[in-house]
């Protein structure tokens, strides 16, 4: 089986319309018989609620471990929301 890897940036998954558009790309590839790996960034840009820079701003003086957890949490939220979109 051939596998396609899609990487969707923050602005691609930052809105419902963007997530719907991205999910259509994934569905078309699946319908064509490809295996799919979808990678998503944190949603939006700085200032948006779940963007990495925004999350880091919640604890500007945090230590390395806390910063690492904050930086990864935006992607985790985005992955959950995008997975929900794909399940529809």
PDB file of N, CA and C in Angstrom:
ATOM      1  N   UNK A   1       0.841  -1.171   0.000  1.00  0.00           N
ATOM      2  CA  UNK A   1       0.000   0.000   0.000  1.00  0.00           C
ATOM      3  C   UNK A   1       0.894   1.244   0.000  1.00  0.00           C
ATOM      4  N   UNK A   2       0.587   2.165  -0.866  1.00  0.00           N
ATOM      5  CA  UNK A   2       1.291   3.443  -0.880  1.00  0.00           C
ATOM      6  C   UNK A   2       0.722   4.343   0.205  1.00  0.00           C
ATOM      7  N   UNK A   3       1.612   5.098   0.816  1.00  0.00           N
ATOM      8  CA  UNK A   3       1.214   5.973   1.923  1.00  0.00           C
ATOM      9  C   UNK A   3       1.491   7.420   1.542  1.00  0.00           C
ATOM     10  N   UNK A   4       0.518   8.265   1.806  1.00  0.00           N
ATOM     11  CA  UNK A   4       0.680   9.704   1.629  1.00  0.00           C
ATOM     12  C   UNK A   4       0.774  10.346   3.006  1.00  0.00           C
ATOM     13  N   UNK A   5       1.683  11.295   3.139  1.00  0.00           N
ATOM     14  CA  UNK A   5       1.823  12.054   4.374  1.00  0.00           C
ATOM     15  C   UNK A   5       1.369  13.478   4.081  1.00  0.00           C
ATOM     16  N   UNK A   6       0.371  13.932   4.821  1.00  0.00           N
ATOM     17  CA  UNK A   6      -0.114  15.305   4.703  1.00  0.00           C
ATOM     18  C   UNK A   6       0.312  16.062   5.950  1.00  0.00           C
ATOM     19  N   UNK A   7       0.789  17.279   5.770  1.00  0.00           N
ATOM     20  CA  UNK A   7       1.122  18.152   6.904  1.00  0.00           C
ATOM     21  C   UNK A   7       0.275  19.405   6.751  1.00  0.00           C
ATOM     22  N   UNK A   8      -0.589  19.657   7.722  1.00  0.00           N
ATOM     23  CA  UNK A   8      -1.461  20.821   7.694  1.00  0.00           C
ATOM     24  C   UNK A   8      -0.995  21.812   8.752  1.00  0.00           C
ATOM     25  N   UNK A   9      -0.674  23.009   8.313  1.00  0.00           N
ATOM     26  CA  UNK A   9      -0.205  24.052   9.214  1.00  0.00           C
ATOM     27  C   UNK A   9      -1.327  24.655  10.036  1.00  0.00           C
ATOM     28  N   UNK A  10      -0.947  25.525  10.942  1.00  0.00           N
ATOM     29  CA  UNK A  10      -1.889  26.112  11.883  1.00  0.00           C
ATOM     30  C   UNK A  10      -3.034  26.869  11.246  1.00  0.00           C
ATOM     31  N   UNK A  11      -2.755  27.610  10.172  1.00  0.00           N
ATOM     32  CA  UNK A  11      -3.847  28.334   9.528  1.00  0.00           C
ATOM     33  C   UNK A  11      -4.757  27.392   8.755  1.00  0.00           C
ATOM     34  N   UNK A  12      -4.249  26.240   8.343  1.00  0.00           N
ATOM     35  CA  UNK A  12      -5.076  25.250   7.630  1.00  0.00           C
ATOM     36  C   UNK A  12      -6.091  24.591   8.542  1.00  0.00           C
ATOM     37  N   UNK A  13      -5.760  24.459   9.812  1.00  0.00           N
ATOM     38  CA  UNK A  13      -6.666  23.788  10.753  1.00  0.00           C
ATOM     39  C   UNK A  13      -7.218  24.739  11.800  1.00  0.00           C
ATOM     40  N   UNK A  14      -7.002  26.034  11.615  1.00  0.00           N
ATOM     41  CA  UNK A  14      -7.417  27.030  12.592  1.00  0.00           C
ATOM     42  C   UNK A  14      -8.888  27.396  12.550  1.00  0.00           C
ATOM     43  N   UNK A  15      -9.599  26.996  11.509  1.00  0.00           N
ATOM     44  CA  UNK A  15     -11.028  27.300  11.406  1.00  0.00           C
ATOM     45  C   UNK A  15     -11.777  26.041  10.978  1.00  0.00           C
ATOM     46  N   UNK A  16     -13.077  26.059  11.202  1.00  0.00           N
ATOM     47  CA  UNK A  16     -13.898  24.926  10.784  1.00  0.00           C
ATOM     48  C   UNK A  16     -13.823  24.697   9.290  1.00  0.00           C
ATOM     49  N   UNK A  17     -13.854  25.783   8.511  1.00  0.00           N
ATOM     50  CA  UNK A  17     -13.748  25.647   7.052  1.00  0.00           C
ATOM     51  C   UNK A  17     -12.408  25.047   6.647  1.00  0.00           C
ATOM     52  N   UNK A  18     -11.341  25.485   7.292  1.00  0.00           N
ATOM     53  CA  UNK A  18     -10.015  24.951   6.977  1.00  0.00           C
ATOM     54  C   UNK A  18      -9.901  23.476   7.311  1.00  0.00           C
ATOM     55  N   UNK A  19     -10.437  23.096   8.469  1.00  0.00           N
ATOM     56  CA  UNK A  19     -10.407  21.678   8.854  1.00  0.00           C
ATOM     57  C   UNK A  19     -11.238  20.838   7.899  1.00  0.00           C
ATOM     58  N   UNK A  20     -12.371  21.355   7.464  1.00  0.00           N
ATOM     59  CA  UNK A  20     -13.210  20.617   6.505  1.00  0.00           C
ATOM     60  C   UNK A  20     -12.467  20.430   5.188  1.00  0.00           C
ATOM     61  N   UNK A  21     -11.779  21.467   4.739  1.00  0.00           N
ATOM     62  CA  UNK A  21     -11.017  21.391   3.488  1.00  0.00           C
ATOM     63  C   UNK A  21      -9.889  20.362   3.629  1.00  0.00           C
ATOM     64  N   UNK A  22      -9.175  20.408   4.756  1.00  0.00           N
ATOM     65  CA  UNK A  22      -8.086  19.454   4.984  1.00  0.00           C
ATOM     66  C   UNK A  22      -8.613  18.028   5.053  1.00  0.00           C
ATOM     67  N   UNK A  23      -9.748  17.845   5.713  1.00  0.00           N
ATOM     68  CA  UNK A  23     -10.292  16.492   5.820  1.00  0.00           C
ATOM     69  C   UNK A  23     -10.729  15.957   4.458  1.00  0.00           C
ATOM     70  N   UNK A  24     -11.174  16.827   3.568  1.00  0.00           N
ATOM     71  CA  UNK A  24     -11.522  16.370   2.214  1.00  0.00           C
ATOM     72  C   UNK A  24     -10.281  15.837   1.495  1.00  0.00           C
ATOM     73  N   UNK A  25      -9.127  16.470   1.695  1.00  0.00           N
ATOM     74  CA  UNK A  25      -7.884  15.966   1.093  1.00  0.00           C
ATOM     75  C   UNK A  25      -7.593  14.552   1.600  1.00  0.00           C
ATOM     76  N   UNK A  26      -7.746  14.362   2.898  1.00  0.00           N
ATOM     77  CA  UNK A  26      -7.483  13.047   3.493  1.00  0.00           C
ATOM     78  C   UNK A  26      -8.472  12.018   2.954  1.00  0.00           C
ATOM     79  N   UNK A  27      -9.746  12.368   2.920  1.00  0.00           N
ATOM     80  CA  UNK A  27     -10.770  11.421   2.439  1.00  0.00           C
ATOM     81  C   UNK A  27     -10.552  11.027   0.979  1.00  0.00           C
ATOM     82  N   UNK A  28     -10.188  11.997   0.142  1.00  0.00           N
ATOM     83  CA  UNK A  28      -9.919  11.685  -1.275  1.00  0.00           C
ATOM     84  C   UNK A  28      -8.766  10.698  -1.400  1.00  0.00           C
ATOM     85  N   UNK A  29      -7.722  10.891  -0.608  1.00  0.00           N
ATOM     86  CA  UNK A  29      -6.588   9.973  -0.658  1.00  0.00           C
ATOM     87  C   UNK A  29      -7.001   8.580  -0.192  1.00  0.00           C
ATOM     88  N   UNK A  30      -7.781   8.513   0.881  1.00  0.00           N
ATOM     89  CA  UNK A  30      -8.258   7.209   1.368  1.00  0.00           C
ATOM     90  C   UNK A  30      -9.139   6.530   0.331  1.00  0.00           C
ATOM     91  N   UNK A  31     -10.032   7.296  -0.280  1.00  0.00           N
ATOM     92  CA  UNK A  31     -10.916   6.747  -1.314  1.00  0.00           C
ATOM     93  C   UNK A  31     -10.135   6.239  -2.522  1.00  0.00           C
ATOM     94  N   UNK A  32      -8.958   6.825  -2.774  1.00  0.00           N
ATOM     95  CA  UNK A  32      -8.121   6.407  -3.888  1.00  0.00           C
ATOM     96  C   UNK A  32      -7.246   5.208  -3.519  1.00  0.00           C
ATOM     97  N   UNK A  33      -7.377   4.729  -2.275  1.00  0.00           N
ATOM     98  CA  UNK A  33      -6.664   3.523  -1.875  1.00  0.00           C
ATOM     99  C   UNK A  33      -5.332   3.758  -1.181  1.00  0.00           C
ATOM    100  N   UNK A  34      -5.018   4.986  -0.851  1.00  0.00           N
ATOM    101  CA  UNK A  34      -3.768   5.284  -0.158  1.00  0.00           C
ATOM    102  C   UNK A  34      -3.927   5.117   1.337  1.00  0.00           C
ATOM    103  N   UNK A  35      -2.851   4.749   1.999  1.00  0.00           N
ATOM    104  CA  UNK A  35      -2.769   4.889   3.438  1.00  0.00           C
ATOM    105  C   UNK A  35      -2.431   6.348   3.694  1.00  0.00           C
ATOM    106  N   UNK A  36      -2.868   6.899   4.803  1.00  0.00           N
ATOM    107  CA  UNK A  36      -2.658   8.323   5.059  1.00  0.00           C
ATOM    108  C   UNK A  36      -2.103   8.538   6.453  1.00  0.00           C
ATOM    109  N   UNK A  37      -1.113   9.409   6.526  1.00  0.00           N
ATOM    110  CA  UNK A  37      -0.634   9.952   7.790  1.00  0.00           C
ATOM    111  C   UNK A  37      -0.913  11.441   7.724  1.00  0.00           C
ATOM    112  N   UNK A  38      -1.669  11.964   8.687  1.00  0.00           N
ATOM    113  CA  UNK A  38      -1.979  13.392   8.729  1.00  0.00           C
ATOM    114  C   UNK A  38      -1.293  14.005   9.939  1.00  0.00           C
ATOM    115  N   UNK A  39      -0.486  15.019   9.698  1.00  0.00           N
ATOM    116  CA  UNK A  39       0.232  15.736  10.746  1.00  0.00           C
ATOM    117  C   UNK A  39      -0.364  17.132  10.819  1.00  0.00           C
ATOM    118  N   UNK A  40      -0.703  17.586  12.016  1.00  0.00           N
ATOM    119  CA  UNK A  40      -1.292  18.914  12.166  1.00  0.00           C
ATOM    120  C   UNK A  40      -0.479  19.750  13.143  1.00  0.00           C
ATOM    121  N   UNK A  41      -0.413  21.042  12.848  1.00  0.00           N
ATOM    122  CA  UNK A  41       0.205  22.001  13.758  1.00  0.00           C
ATOM    123  C   UNK A  41      -0.843  22.508  14.734  1.00  0.00           C
ATOM    124  N   UNK A  42      -0.380  23.251  15.730  1.00  0.00           N
ATOM    125  CA  UNK A  42      -1.311  23.925  16.631  1.00  0.00           C
ATOM    126  C   UNK A  42      -2.169  24.873  15.803  1.00  0.00           C
ATOM    127  N   UNK A  43      -3.408  25.059  16.219  1.00  0.00           N
ATOM    128  CA  UNK A  43      -4.367  25.837  15.431  1.00  0.00           C
ATOM    129  C   UNK A  43      -4.098  27.333  15.508  1.00  0.00           C
ATOM    130  N   UNK A  44      -4.003  27.956  14.351  1.00  0.00           N
ATOM    131  CA  UNK A  44      -3.917  29.406  14.263  1.00  0.00           C
ATOM    132  C   UNK A  44      -2.518  29.965  14.361  1.00  0.00           C
ATOM    133  N   UNK A  45      -2.480  31.257  14.593  1.00  0.00           N
ATOM    134  CA  UNK A  45      -1.233  32.014  14.725  1.00  0.00           C
ATOM    135  C   UNK A  45      -1.203  32.692  16.095  1.00  0.00           C
ATOM    136  N   UNK A  46      -0.087  33.303  16.418  1.00  0.00           N
ATOM    137  CA  UNK A  46       0.063  33.999  17.701  1.00  0.00           C
ATOM    138  C   UNK A  46      -1.161  34.865  17.969  1.00  0.00           C
ATOM    139  N   UNK A  47      -1.685  34.750  19.170  1.00  0.00           N
ATOM    140  CA  UNK A  47      -2.886  35.486  19.544  1.00  0.00           C
ATOM    141  C   UNK A  47      -4.129  34.620  19.511  1.00  0.00           C
ATOM    142  N   UNK A  48      -4.132  33.612  18.647  1.00  0.00           N
ATOM    143  CA  UNK A  48      -5.252  32.668  18.630  1.00  0.00           C
ATOM    144  C   UNK A  48      -5.142  31.788  19.878  1.00  0.00           C
ATOM    145  N   UNK A  49      -6.260  31.353  20.450  1.00  0.00           N
ATOM    146  CA  UNK A  49      -6.242  30.687  21.754  1.00  0.00           C
ATOM    147  C   UNK A  49      -5.324  29.475  21.878  1.00  0.00           C
ATOM    148  N   UNK A  50      -5.223  28.660  20.815  1.00  0.00           N
ATOM    149  CA  UNK A  50      -4.453  27.413  20.933  1.00  0.00           C
ATOM    150  C   UNK A  50      -3.149  27.437  20.150  1.00  0.00           C
ATOM    151  N   UNK A  51      -2.750  28.594  19.672  1.00  0.00           N
ATOM    152  CA  UNK A  51      -1.472  28.724  18.961  1.00  0.00           C
ATOM    153  C   UNK A  51      -0.329  28.557  19.961  1.00  0.00           C
ATOM    154  N   UNK A  52       0.767  28.000  19.511  1.00  0.00           N
ATOM    155  CA  UNK A  52       1.898  27.730  20.395  1.00  0.00           C
ATOM    156  C   UNK A  52       2.388  28.984  21.103  1.00  0.00           C
ATOM    157  N   UNK A  53       2.545  30.083  20.385  1.00  0.00           N
ATOM    158  CA  UNK A  53       3.028  31.318  21.016  1.00  0.00           C
ATOM    159  C   UNK A  53       2.076  31.805  22.100  1.00  0.00           C
ATOM    160  N   UNK A  54       0.788  31.675  21.858  1.00  0.00           N
ATOM    161  CA  UNK A  54      -0.196  32.080  22.855  1.00  0.00           C
ATOM    162  C   UNK A  54      -0.071  31.216  24.102  1.00  0.00           C
ATOM    163  N   UNK A  55       0.043  29.914  23.908  1.00  0.00           N
ATOM    164  CA  UNK A  55       0.160  29.001  25.040  1.00  0.00           C
ATOM    165  C   UNK A  55       1.437  29.281  25.833  1.00  0.00           C
ATOM    166  N   UNK A  56       2.535  29.547  25.142  1.00  0.00           N
ATOM    167  CA  UNK A  56       3.780  29.861  25.837  1.00  0.00           C
ATOM    168  C   UNK A  56       3.654  31.151  26.638  1.00  0.00           C
ATOM    169  N   UNK A  57       2.844  32.074  26.152  1.00  0.00           N
ATOM    170  CA  UNK A  57       2.642  33.335  26.855  1.00  0.00           C
ATOM    171  C   UNK A  57       1.913  33.184  28.182  1.00  0.00           C
ATOM    172  N   UNK A  58       1.272  32.052  28.400  1.00  0.00           N
ATOM    173  CA  UNK A  58       0.581  31.824  29.668  1.00  0.00           C
ATOM    174  C   UNK A  58       1.544  31.645  30.826  1.00  0.00           C
ATOM    175  N   UNK A  59       2.757  31.217  30.533  1.00  0.00           N
ATOM    176  CA  UNK A  59       3.771  30.985  31.572  1.00  0.00           C
ATOM    177  C   UNK A  59       5.131  31.415  31.023  1.00  0.00           C
ATOM    178  N   UNK A  60       5.337  32.730  30.850  1.00  0.00           N
ATOM    179  CA  UNK A  60       6.544  33.205  30.176  1.00  0.00           C
ATOM    180  C   UNK A  60       7.860  32.871  30.879  1.00  0.00           C
ATOM    181  N   UNK A  61       7.808  32.633  32.169  1.00  0.00           N
ATOM    182  CA  UNK A  61       9.034  32.331  32.913  1.00  0.00           C
ATOM    183  C   UNK A  61       9.140  30.861  33.300  1.00  0.00           C
ATOM    184  N   UNK A  62       8.379  30.022  32.630  1.00  0.00           N
ATOM    185  CA  UNK A  62       8.354  28.598  32.971  1.00  0.00           C
ATOM    186  C   UNK A  62       9.688  27.933  32.673  1.00  0.00           C
ATOM    187  N   UNK A  63       9.915  26.859  33.368  1.00  0.00           N
ATOM    188  CA  UNK A  63      11.113  26.064  33.129  1.00  0.00           C
ATOM    189  C   UNK A  63      10.980  25.253  31.844  1.00  0.00           C
ATOM    190  N   UNK A  64      12.051  24.576  31.508  1.00  0.00           N
ATOM    191  CA  UNK A  64      12.128  23.853  30.235  1.00  0.00           C
ATOM    192  C   UNK A  64      11.034  22.795  30.089  1.00  0.00           C
ATOM    193  N   UNK A  65      10.776  22.014  31.123  1.00  0.00           N
ATOM    194  CA  UNK A  65       9.765  20.953  31.032  1.00  0.00           C
ATOM    195  C   UNK A  65       8.377  21.546  30.804  1.00  0.00           C
ATOM    196  N   UNK A  66       8.051  22.583  31.545  1.00  0.00           N
ATOM    197  CA  UNK A  66       6.743  23.217  31.378  1.00  0.00           C
ATOM    198  C   UNK A  66       6.614  23.825  29.988  1.00  0.00           C
ATOM    199  N   UNK A  67       7.665  24.471  29.493  1.00  0.00           N
ATOM    200  CA  UNK A  67       7.630  25.029  28.133  1.00  0.00           C
ATOM    201  C   UNK A  67       7.420  23.919  27.111  1.00  0.00           C
ATOM    202  N   UNK A  68       8.114  22.801  27.282  1.00  0.00           N
ATOM    203  CA  UNK A  68       7.940  21.667  26.361  1.00  0.00           C
ATOM    204  C   UNK A  68       6.496  21.180  26.366  1.00  0.00           C
ATOM    205  N   UNK A  69       5.902  21.068  27.540  1.00  0.00           N
ATOM    206  CA  UNK A  69       4.509  20.611  27.632  1.00  0.00           C
ATOM    207  C   UNK A  69       3.554  21.617  27.004  1.00  0.00           C
ATOM    208  N   UNK A  70       3.775  22.901  27.255  1.00  0.00           N
ATOM    209  CA  UNK A  70       2.932  23.928  26.635  1.00  0.00           C
ATOM    210  C   UNK A  70       3.047  23.886  25.119  1.00  0.00           C
ATOM    211  N   UNK A  71       4.267  23.754  24.602  1.00  0.00           N
ATOM    212  CA  UNK A  71       4.464  23.742  23.148  1.00  0.00           C
ATOM    213  C   UNK A  71       3.788  22.540  22.502  1.00  0.00           C
ATOM    214  N   UNK A  72       3.757  21.421  23.171  1.00  0.00           N
ATOM    215  CA  UNK A  72       3.139  20.234  22.578  1.00  0.00           C
ATOM    216  C   UNK A  72       1.627  20.223  22.733  1.00  0.00           C
ATOM    217  N   UNK A  73       1.096  20.952  23.702  1.00  0.00           N
ATOM    218  CA  UNK A  73      -0.342  20.876  23.957  1.00  0.00           C
ATOM    219  C   UNK A  73      -1.176  21.452  22.818  1.00  0.00           C
ATOM    220  N   UNK A  74      -0.682  22.463  22.120  1.00  0.00           N
ATOM    221  CA  UNK A  74      -1.417  23.008  20.980  1.00  0.00           C
ATOM    222  C   UNK A  74      -1.593  21.975  19.878  1.00  0.00           C
ATOM    223  N   UNK A  75      -0.553  21.189  19.614  1.00  0.00           N
ATOM    224  CA  UNK A  75      -0.648  20.137  18.608  1.00  0.00           C
ATOM    225  C   UNK A  75      -1.578  19.023  19.063  1.00  0.00           C
ATOM    226  N   UNK A  76      -1.563  18.714  20.343  1.00  0.00           N
ATOM    227  CA  UNK A  76      -2.453  17.677  20.863  1.00  0.00           C
ATOM    228  C   UNK A  76      -3.912  18.102  20.703  1.00  0.00           C
ATOM    229  N   UNK A  77      -4.218  19.344  21.053  1.00  0.00           N
ATOM    230  CA  UNK A  77      -5.585  19.855  20.887  1.00  0.00           C
ATOM    231  C   UNK A  77      -5.980  19.804  19.419  1.00  0.00           C
ATOM    232  N   UNK A  78      -5.098  20.263  18.556  1.00  0.00           N
ATOM    233  CA  UNK A  78      -5.379  20.279  17.121  1.00  0.00           C
ATOM    234  C   UNK A  78      -5.611  18.870  16.578  1.00  0.00           C
ATOM    235  N   UNK A  79      -4.805  17.917  17.009  1.00  0.00           N
ATOM    236  CA  UNK A  79      -4.959  16.528  16.557  1.00  0.00           C
ATOM    237  C   UNK A  79      -6.312  15.962  16.986  1.00  0.00           C
ATOM    238  N   UNK A  80      -6.745  16.265  18.207  1.00  0.00           N
ATOM    239  CA  UNK A  80      -8.045  15.781  18.683  1.00  0.00           C
ATOM    240  C   UNK A  80      -9.182  16.391  17.878  1.00  0.00           C
ATOM    241  N   UNK A  81      -9.118  17.692  17.636  1.00  0.00           N
ATOM    242  CA  UNK A  81     -10.177  18.374  16.895  1.00  0.00           C
ATOM    243  C   UNK A  81     -10.213  17.884  15.445  1.00  0.00           C
ATOM    244  N   UNK A  82      -9.021  17.696  14.839  1.00  0.00           N
ATOM    245  CA  UNK A  82      -8.980  17.224  13.455  1.00  0.00           C
ATOM    246  C   UNK A  82      -9.456  15.770  13.361  1.00  0.00           C
ATOM    247  N   UNK A  83      -9.097  14.942  14.334  1.00  0.00           N
ATOM    248  CA  UNK A  83      -9.593  13.558  14.340  1.00  0.00           C
ATOM    249  C   UNK A  83     -11.109  13.531  14.423  1.00  0.00           C
ATOM    250  N   UNK A  84     -11.684  14.417  15.227  1.00  0.00           N
ATOM    251  CA  UNK A  84     -13.141  14.505  15.299  1.00  0.00           C
ATOM    252  C   UNK A  84     -13.730  14.889  13.951  1.00  0.00           C
ATOM    253  N   UNK A  85     -13.095  15.805  13.253  1.00  0.00           N
ATOM    254  CA  UNK A  85     -13.542  16.207  11.903  1.00  0.00           C
ATOM    255  C   UNK A  85     -13.509  15.019  10.951  1.00  0.00           C
ATOM    256  N   UNK A  86     -12.469  14.218  11.035  1.00  0.00           N
ATOM    257  CA  UNK A  86     -12.336  13.065  10.129  1.00  0.00           C
ATOM    258  C   UNK A  86     -13.360  11.976  10.429  1.00  0.00           C
ATOM    259  N   UNK A  87     -13.821  11.899  11.668  1.00  0.00           N
ATOM    260  CA  UNK A  87     -14.793  10.872  12.048  1.00  0.00           C
ATOM    261  C   UNK A  87     -16.201  11.184  11.568  1.00  0.00           C
ATOM    262  N   UNK A  88     -16.455  12.383  11.097  1.00  0.00           N
ATOM    263  CA  UNK A  88     -17.810  12.781  10.662  1.00  0.00           C
ATOM    264  C   UNK A  88     -18.115  12.252   9.297  1.00  0.00           C
TER     265      UNK A  88
END
